[in-house]
Protein backbone atom coordinates (compact mmCIF):
# COMPACT_ATOMS: atom_id res chain seq x y z
CA MET A 1 -0.12 -0.15 -0.41
CA ALA A 2 1.43 3.20 -1.17
CA LYS A 3 1.47 6.23 1.72
CA SER A 4 -0.38 9.17 1.03
CA LYS A 5 1.47 12.35 1.44
CA LYS A 6 0.12 14.26 4.98
CA VAL A 7 0.24 17.77 3.68
CA ARG A 8 0.07 20.97 6.54
CA LEU A 9 -0.26 24.51 6.25
CA GLU A 10 1.18 27.06 7.24
CA ILE A 11 -1.14 30.31 7.58
CA THR A 12 1.03 34.04 7.98
CA GLN A 13 -1.38 36.31 8.94
CA THR A 14 -0.08 39.23 6.56
CA ARG A 15 -2.35 42.19 7.55
CA SER A 16 -4.12 43.72 10.48
CA GLY A 17 -7.24 42.90 11.74
CA ILE A 18 -7.74 46.34 12.94
CA GLY A 19 -10.85 47.98 11.53
CA ARG A 20 -12.02 44.74 10.15
CA GLN A 21 -15.32 42.82 10.78
CA GLY A 22 -15.83 41.11 13.94
CA LYS A 23 -16.22 37.46 11.63
CA HIS A 24 -12.82 37.83 10.35
CA ARG A 25 -10.88 38.91 13.42
CA ARG A 26 -12.48 36.25 15.34
CA THR A 27 -11.81 33.84 12.13
CA ILE A 28 -8.08 34.79 12.66
CA GLU A 29 -8.48 34.02 16.38
CA ALA A 30 -10.16 30.45 15.82
CA LEU A 31 -6.94 29.79 13.79
CA GLY A 32 -4.87 30.39 16.56
CA ILE A 33 -3.08 33.69 15.33
CA LYS A 34 -2.40 35.65 18.14
CA ARG A 35 -0.17 39.10 16.12
CA HIS A 36 0.46 40.50 13.46
CA GLN A 37 3.26 38.30 11.19
CA GLN A 38 2.34 34.93 13.23
CA SER A 39 2.66 31.95 11.64
CA VAL A 40 0.54 28.39 12.65
CA ILE A 41 1.14 25.27 11.08
CA HIS A 42 -2.83 23.23 10.76
CA ASP A 43 -2.96 19.78 8.82
CA ASP A 44 -5.37 20.44 5.35
CA SER A 45 -8.68 19.96 5.65
CA PRO A 46 -12.13 21.51 4.51
CA ALA A 47 -12.72 23.59 7.56
CA ILE A 48 -9.52 25.22 7.73
CA ARG A 49 -9.29 26.06 3.68
CA GLY A 50 -12.71 27.81 4.26
CA MET A 51 -11.44 29.66 7.05
CA ILE A 52 -8.83 30.97 4.80
CA ASN A 53 -11.20 31.49 2.11
CA GLN A 54 -13.11 34.19 4.13
CA VAL A 55 -9.82 35.67 5.99
CA SER A 56 -7.69 35.16 2.24
CA HIS A 57 -7.08 38.99 2.09
CA MET A 58 -5.45 39.03 5.16
CA VAL A 59 -2.71 35.99 5.55
CA SER A 60 -0.54 34.26 3.67
CA VAL A 61 -0.50 30.06 2.85
CA ARG A 62 2.39 27.68 2.05
CA GLU A 63 1.74 24.22 2.26
CA LEU A 64 4.43 21.70 3.89
CA GLU A 65 4.47 18.35 2.50
CA ASP A 66 5.96 15.39 5.62
C-alpha cells in the first residue's frame, strides 16, 4: 500500500485585523493567530480551507509536505 503524503498548511497573518469585520477577526483568532506576522501550522482540512478562504485577504498560505 502506498503511503499518502500528509499535507500541512503554514498560515501567516500579513494584514492587520484593525478595522475589519468582527467575523474576520474571530476567524483569525480561531485559526490560532494572536499577533500580526505570526505563523501557525494546521493539517489540511475542508474546515481550515474554509476559514482561510474567508480571510484570504489577510493571510498568506504555504503548503508543507511531511
